[in-house]
Structure formats: C-alpha cells, structure tokens
Amino acid sequence: MKSLGRSRLRPGILLLELLMILFCAAYLLPLGIMVLGSFKTSAEAAAFTFNPPQVWQWSNYSTVIEKSQLVRAFLNSVFITGSSVFLCVSSASFCAFTLARRPNRLTGFLYWLCLLGMVAPLQIVTTFALLKGLGLIGNYYGVILVGTAVQIPWSVFFFTSFLKTVPRDIDEAAAIDGATPWVMFTRIILPMLQTVVVTNVVIISISVWNDFMTPLYFLSSRDFWTMTLTVYGFFGQYFSDWNLVFANLILTSLPVAVLFLVFQRLVVSGATEGSVKG
C-alpha cells in the first residue's frame, strides 16, 4: 500500500519539480545575461545573449565606480538604510511588546491601525507637503523617516505575532525579582527575539536599499543620491552602453544579496517563528 501511494504521488512531484525548474530558469536567465553583459563590450551587451564575452572587460566596473560617484552613493545608501532599520526595529519591537502584553481596547485599536498601514499606499503629495513644512525635503532625514514609517506596520505585526506566544509567566517571574519593564524587555524578552530581529533587519534592509521612488521624490541634490538613483542617472546618460548599465546594476544589488545569503537560515527560521506561531 505504501509503494502504491508513493507511485501515485510521484507524477505530481515530478510535475512540481519541473515547474520549479522553469520558474528558476525564468529568474536566472535574465540574471545570467546581466552578469555576463557587465563584462562585455557595448556592442556585445546590446545583443542580450547568454554567450560569454570574447574578452572579459573588467574595466567596466572601474568605469562605473568612477563616473557614477558610486562610493558616495554607497555611503548614502548605508546611512539611510542603517538608520531606517535601527529606528524601525527598535520602535516596532517596543510597540509590539506593549501590544502583546497589555491587551485592551486601546492596544487592540492600535494593532489594527498598524495592520491598516500594511495595505494603505504611500501618499506622495501629502507626504511631500508634510516634509516640506518640517524642512525635511532634500536631505537624508526625510527619506529615513518615510522609509521607517512605511516598514513599521509590517514589523509591528511580525514582532507581535511572536511575542503573543511567549508565556506571561516569564514576565511575572521577572517582576517578582524586581525587574522593571525596560529591564524585562531588554534583558529577557529581546534575547528571545534574535531570529525575528535578524529577519526584520534583513527584509527591511532589502526593501529600503532597493527603494527607488522615495529617494527620487525627496532627495533633490545628487550629493544625497542612493545607489538605486545612480542606476537611474547612469542609464539616462549611458543608455546605449548596456555593459556599463549592467555593471551598475550588479554593484547596486550586490550588498543586499550578500546580506541575504549570509543570514538566509536565520531569515527562514525567523519567518517561521514570526508567522506560523502567530
């Protein structure tokens, strides 16, 4: 009976594996063309083929770094992304701790308000007017605050889903020992959130780093441009040199790709703890 059941399931498994291979090919083929194209001449890259370059043009990357001011853009992206991640994770974790530990009408309303923020789109016009009134247009701080505000609802939901599964007995034992709410959270609860925090950091970093519209609308000077905006400016200037555009895209996406690969296991574990448990 077991062998019969396995034989019935095997065609379905093979079909699923075939679909997964096709989906992977659909993603990897354009990526391979972009990677190979970044080492080709302008004429070879414009053909958009999967063929390797006749001569590997390593100088494409140095040309991109020099002409697009990529080092400065990289530092801008690191500052904006790091600040947004710190503000979002710290404020969302504190908020989630209160929502999970003090269930009442007010916290319930605030929780659903955060959920509403997950589906409500960013209103560019009103946000621009608000930041202009606060004097935050054209500098880092407006972009950091917008990036933080956009990511907080999801982060609060993620933290709250996990904290609701943490037994309240831990809080009671800490309170008996004289621990304040601040000590209770930072020394007892926060270490239990390690994988959830790492998951938040990685996912928010990828989202903020790859964000194109927010810096485009709220950064006026090229000195504040992020790496995603350098792709936009570089493509407008070198739209016929696809080899340089490909090299710029590779350099822009490489930091977050490395970040995800390094913490991949923790991200998968944290996503399971933050969603399945909730």
Protein backbone atom coordinates (compact mmCIF):
# COMPACT_ATOMS: atom_id res chain seq x y z
CA MET A 1 0.00 0.00 0.00
CA LYS A 2 2.83 2.39 0.82
CA SER A 3 4.55 1.73 -2.51
CA LEU A 4 1.24 2.24 -4.33
CA GLY A 5 0.72 5.58 -2.61
CA ARG A 6 4.21 6.69 -3.50
CA SER A 7 3.71 5.74 -7.15
CA ARG A 8 0.54 7.78 -7.29
CA LEU A 9 2.27 10.81 -5.82
CA ARG A 10 5.37 10.56 -7.98
CA PRO A 11 3.91 12.14 -11.18
CA GLY A 12 2.66 15.09 -9.15
CA ILE A 13 6.06 15.53 -7.51
CA LEU A 14 7.81 15.36 -10.88
CA LEU A 15 5.43 17.96 -12.30
CA LEU A 16 6.06 20.24 -9.32
CA GLU A 17 9.83 19.85 -9.72
CA LEU A 18 9.54 20.66 -13.42
CA LEU A 19 7.57 23.82 -12.65
CA MET A 20 10.15 24.86 -10.06
CA ILE A 21 12.95 24.37 -12.60
CA LEU A 22 11.06 26.51 -15.14
CA PHE A 23 10.48 29.27 -12.57
CA CYS A 24 14.15 29.20 -11.58
CA ALA A 25 15.18 29.41 -15.23
CA ALA A 26 12.86 32.38 -15.75
CA TYR A 27 14.69 34.23 -12.95
CA LEU A 28 18.23 33.01 -13.59
CA LEU A 29 18.32 33.54 -17.36
CA PRO A 30 17.93 37.37 -17.23
CA LEU A 31 20.31 37.46 -14.26
CA GLY A 32 22.90 35.50 -16.22
CA ILE A 33 22.53 37.82 -19.21
CA MET A 34 23.05 40.82 -16.93
CA VAL A 35 26.12 39.34 -15.21
CA LEU A 36 27.77 38.30 -18.46
CA GLY A 37 26.79 41.57 -20.13
CA SER A 38 28.58 43.54 -17.44
CA PHE A 39 31.88 42.07 -18.70
CA LYS A 40 31.20 42.62 -22.42
CA THR A 41 31.77 45.48 -24.79
CA SER A 42 28.90 47.84 -25.54
CA ALA A 43 28.06 46.10 -28.83
CA GLU A 44 28.14 42.60 -27.30
CA ALA A 45 25.98 43.60 -24.34
CA ALA A 46 23.39 45.21 -26.61
CA ALA A 47 22.72 41.78 -28.17
CA PHE A 48 21.32 40.48 -24.82
CA THR A 49 22.64 36.97 -25.36
CA PHE A 50 23.77 34.32 -22.90
CA ASN A 51 27.09 33.90 -24.68
CA PRO A 52 30.25 34.65 -22.68
CA PRO A 53 32.24 37.73 -23.71
CA GLN A 54 35.04 37.35 -26.22
CA VAL A 55 37.30 39.43 -23.98
CA TRP A 56 36.37 39.98 -20.33
CA GLN A 57 36.06 43.74 -19.80
CA TRP A 58 36.86 44.09 -16.11
CA SER A 59 37.36 47.82 -16.62
CA ASN A 60 33.59 48.27 -16.92
CA TYR A 61 33.29 48.20 -13.14
CA SER A 62 36.01 50.74 -12.52
CA THR A 63 34.41 53.00 -15.14
CA VAL A 64 31.05 52.77 -13.40
CA ILE A 65 32.52 53.45 -9.95
CA GLU A 66 34.35 56.50 -11.24
CA LYS A 67 31.70 58.08 -13.46
CA SER A 68 28.64 57.46 -11.29
CA GLN A 69 30.20 58.50 -7.95
CA LEU A 70 29.25 55.09 -6.65
CA VAL A 71 31.35 55.25 -3.49
CA ARG A 72 29.47 58.31 -2.23
CA ALA A 73 26.15 56.77 -3.25
CA PHE A 74 27.08 53.58 -1.40
CA LEU A 75 27.78 55.54 1.80
CA ASN A 76 24.47 57.39 1.38
CA SER A 77 22.60 54.11 0.97
CA VAL A 78 24.32 52.59 4.01
CA PHE A 79 23.44 55.60 6.16
CA ILE A 80 19.81 55.78 5.03
CA THR A 81 19.25 52.03 5.21
CA GLY A 82 21.02 51.58 8.54
CA SER A 83 19.18 54.48 10.17
CA SER A 84 15.80 53.31 8.86
CA VAL A 85 16.39 49.75 10.04
CA PHE A 86 17.51 50.86 13.51
CA LEU A 87 14.54 53.19 14.01
CA CYS A 88 12.05 50.69 12.63
CA VAL A 89 13.22 47.60 14.52
CA SER A 90 13.70 49.39 17.85
CA SER A 91 10.38 51.27 17.79
CA ALA A 92 8.41 48.31 16.38
CA SER A 93 9.77 45.88 18.97
CA PHE A 94 8.91 48.24 21.86
CA CYS A 95 5.46 48.83 20.41
CA ALA A 96 4.85 45.11 19.87
CA PHE A 97 5.87 44.33 23.45
CA THR A 98 3.22 46.72 24.75
CA LEU A 99 0.55 45.47 22.33
CA ALA A 100 1.21 41.83 23.21
CA ARG A 101 1.45 42.32 26.98
CA ARG A 102 -1.38 44.81 27.56
CA PRO A 103 -4.40 43.57 25.61
CA ASN A 104 -7.22 46.11 25.88
CA ARG A 105 -9.38 48.20 23.58
CA LEU A 106 -6.73 50.85 23.04
CA THR A 107 -3.94 48.43 22.18
CA GLY A 108 -6.35 46.44 20.02
CA PHE A 109 -7.24 49.58 18.10
CA LEU A 110 -3.55 50.47 17.67
CA TYR A 111 -2.79 46.94 16.45
CA TRP A 112 -5.45 47.10 13.77
CA LEU A 113 -4.28 50.60 12.88
CA CYS A 114 -0.84 49.11 12.22
CA LEU A 115 -2.40 46.40 10.08
CA LEU A 116 -4.15 49.13 8.10
CA GLY A 117 -0.75 50.68 7.45
CA MET A 118 0.33 47.47 5.72
CA VAL A 119 -2.23 47.94 2.94
CA ALA A 120 -2.55 51.73 2.78
CA PRO A 121 -0.42 53.17 -0.05
CA LEU A 122 2.08 55.96 0.49
CA GLN A 123 0.54 59.31 -0.47
CA ILE A 124 3.35 61.21 -2.16
CA VAL A 125 1.64 64.61 -2.35
CA THR A 126 0.59 64.85 1.30
CA THR A 127 3.87 63.34 2.49
CA PHE A 128 5.81 65.84 0.40
CA ALA A 129 3.79 68.73 1.87
CA LEU A 130 4.35 67.43 5.42
CA LEU A 131 8.11 67.02 4.96
CA LYS A 132 8.36 70.40 3.28
CA GLY A 133 6.63 72.04 6.24
CA LEU A 134 9.08 70.31 8.58
CA GLY A 135 12.09 71.31 6.47
CA LEU A 136 12.99 67.72 5.66
CA ILE A 137 12.92 67.88 1.86
CA GLY A 138 16.21 67.35 0.06
CA ASN A 139 18.15 65.70 2.90
CA TYR A 140 18.69 62.29 4.46
CA TYR A 141 16.27 62.69 7.35
CA GLY A 142 13.07 62.95 5.37
CA VAL A 143 13.88 59.78 3.41
CA ILE A 144 14.84 57.96 6.62
CA LEU A 145 11.57 58.89 8.34
CA VAL A 146 9.48 57.89 5.32
CA GLY A 147 11.32 54.58 4.99
CA THR A 148 10.85 53.89 8.69
CA ALA A 149 7.14 54.76 8.63
CA VAL A 150 6.47 52.51 5.63
CA GLN A 151 8.15 49.49 7.25
CA ILE A 152 6.89 49.86 10.83
CA PRO A 153 3.38 48.34 10.32
CA TRP A 154 4.75 45.07 8.95
CA SER A 155 7.46 44.95 11.59
CA VAL A 156 4.97 45.53 14.43
CA PHE A 157 2.77 42.74 13.11
CA PHE A 158 5.77 40.41 12.87
CA PHE A 159 7.02 41.10 16.40
CA THR A 160 3.55 40.98 17.94
CA SER A 161 2.77 37.60 16.36
CA PHE A 162 5.82 36.10 18.03
CA LEU A 163 5.51 37.87 21.39
CA LYS A 164 1.95 36.58 21.82
CA THR A 165 3.40 33.06 22.02
CA VAL A 166 5.90 33.93 24.77
CA PRO A 167 4.45 32.77 28.14
CA ARG A 168 3.39 35.53 30.54
CA ASP A 169 4.93 33.51 33.38
CA ILE A 170 8.32 34.88 32.29
CA ASP A 171 7.10 38.43 32.89
CA GLU A 172 5.66 37.53 36.28
CA ALA A 173 8.88 35.85 37.40
CA ALA A 174 10.92 38.87 36.28
CA ALA A 175 8.56 41.26 38.07
CA ILE A 176 8.86 39.26 41.29
CA ASP A 177 12.64 39.60 41.03
CA GLY A 178 12.20 43.37 40.80
CA ALA A 179 12.81 43.83 37.08
CA THR A 180 11.38 46.98 35.52
CA PRO A 181 9.58 46.77 32.17
CA TRP A 182 12.70 48.17 30.46
CA VAL A 183 14.97 45.52 32.06
CA MET A 184 12.39 42.83 31.40
CA PHE A 185 12.28 43.63 27.70
CA THR A 186 15.97 44.31 27.02
CA ARG A 187 17.48 41.50 29.12
CA ILE A 188 14.83 38.78 29.00
CA ILE A 189 12.48 39.20 26.04
CA LEU A 190 14.82 40.73 23.45
CA PRO A 191 17.37 37.87 23.52
CA MET A 192 14.49 35.51 22.70
CA LEU A 193 13.76 37.58 19.59
CA GLN A 194 17.15 37.05 17.96
CA THR A 195 15.96 35.27 14.82
CA VAL A 196 12.92 37.55 14.49
CA VAL A 197 15.12 40.65 14.80
CA VAL A 198 17.56 39.33 12.17
CA THR A 199 14.66 38.57 9.83
CA ASN A 200 13.33 42.10 10.26
CA VAL A 201 16.76 43.63 9.72
CA VAL A 202 17.40 41.69 6.51
CA ILE A 203 13.96 42.18 4.95
CA ILE A 204 13.74 45.87 5.85
CA SER A 205 17.30 46.45 4.64
CA ILE A 206 16.48 44.92 1.27
CA SER A 207 13.29 46.97 0.96
CA VAL A 208 14.85 50.31 1.93
CA TRP A 209 18.04 49.71 -0.07
CA ASN A 210 16.09 48.89 -3.23
CA ASP A 211 13.58 51.70 -2.78
CA PHE A 212 13.65 53.99 -5.79
CA MET A 213 10.59 56.22 -5.58
CA THR A 214 11.16 57.69 -2.10
CA PRO A 215 14.71 58.99 -2.75
CA LEU A 216 13.64 60.17 -6.20
CA TYR A 217 10.84 62.35 -4.79
CA PHE A 218 12.50 63.59 -1.60
CA LEU A 219 16.21 63.96 -2.47
CA SER A 220 16.91 66.99 -4.61
CA SER A 221 20.73 67.07 -4.64
CA ARG A 222 22.89 64.48 -6.39
CA ASP A 223 25.18 64.52 -3.36
CA PHE A 224 22.45 62.68 -1.40
CA TRP A 225 21.65 60.12 -4.09
CA THR A 226 21.44 56.44 -3.18
CA MET A 227 22.79 53.61 -5.31
CA THR A 228 19.40 52.96 -6.89
CA LEU A 229 19.25 56.56 -8.09
CA THR A 230 22.70 56.25 -9.64
CA VAL A 231 21.28 53.48 -11.84
CA TYR A 232 18.55 55.88 -12.95
CA GLY A 233 21.02 58.70 -13.64
CA PHE A 234 23.58 56.41 -15.21
CA PHE A 235 21.05 54.84 -17.56
CA GLY A 236 19.90 58.28 -18.71
CA GLN A 237 23.49 59.20 -19.52
CA TYR A 238 24.72 55.88 -20.91
CA PHE A 239 21.51 54.33 -22.22
CA SER A 240 23.34 52.88 -25.24
CA ASP A 241 26.13 51.32 -23.14
CA TRP A 242 24.31 48.35 -21.67
CA ASN A 243 27.55 46.86 -20.40
CA LEU A 244 28.02 49.81 -18.04
CA VAL A 245 24.36 49.78 -17.02
CA PHE A 246 24.61 46.06 -16.21
CA ALA A 247 27.76 46.65 -14.16
CA ASN A 248 25.98 49.40 -12.22
CA LEU A 249 23.04 47.11 -11.52
CA ILE A 250 25.33 44.35 -10.28
CA LEU A 251 27.18 46.68 -7.91
CA THR A 252 23.89 48.13 -6.62
CA SER A 253 22.27 44.78 -5.85
CA LEU A 254 25.39 43.01 -4.56
CA PRO A 255 25.38 44.33 -0.93
CA VAL A 256 21.82 43.23 -0.12
CA ALA A 257 22.30 39.94 -1.97
CA VAL A 258 25.32 39.16 0.21
CA LEU A 259 23.39 40.22 3.33
CA PHE A 260 20.55 37.83 2.50
CA LEU A 261 22.85 34.91 1.68
CA VAL A 262 24.80 35.33 4.93
CA PHE A 263 21.67 35.35 7.12
CA GLN A 264 19.50 33.09 4.97
CA ARG A 265 19.00 30.39 7.58
CA LEU A 266 18.12 32.86 10.32
CA VAL A 267 15.69 34.62 7.98
CA VAL A 268 13.84 31.38 7.20
CA SER A 269 13.77 30.44 10.89
CA GLY A 270 12.61 33.91 11.94
CA ALA A 271 9.89 33.99 9.29
CA THR A 272 8.59 30.65 10.62
CA GLU A 273 8.60 31.83 14.22
CA GLY A 274 7.02 35.19 13.40
CA SER A 275 4.24 33.91 11.17
CA VAL A 276 3.38 30.28 11.93
CA LYS A 277 3.40 30.77 15.70
CA GLY A 278 1.23 33.85 15.42
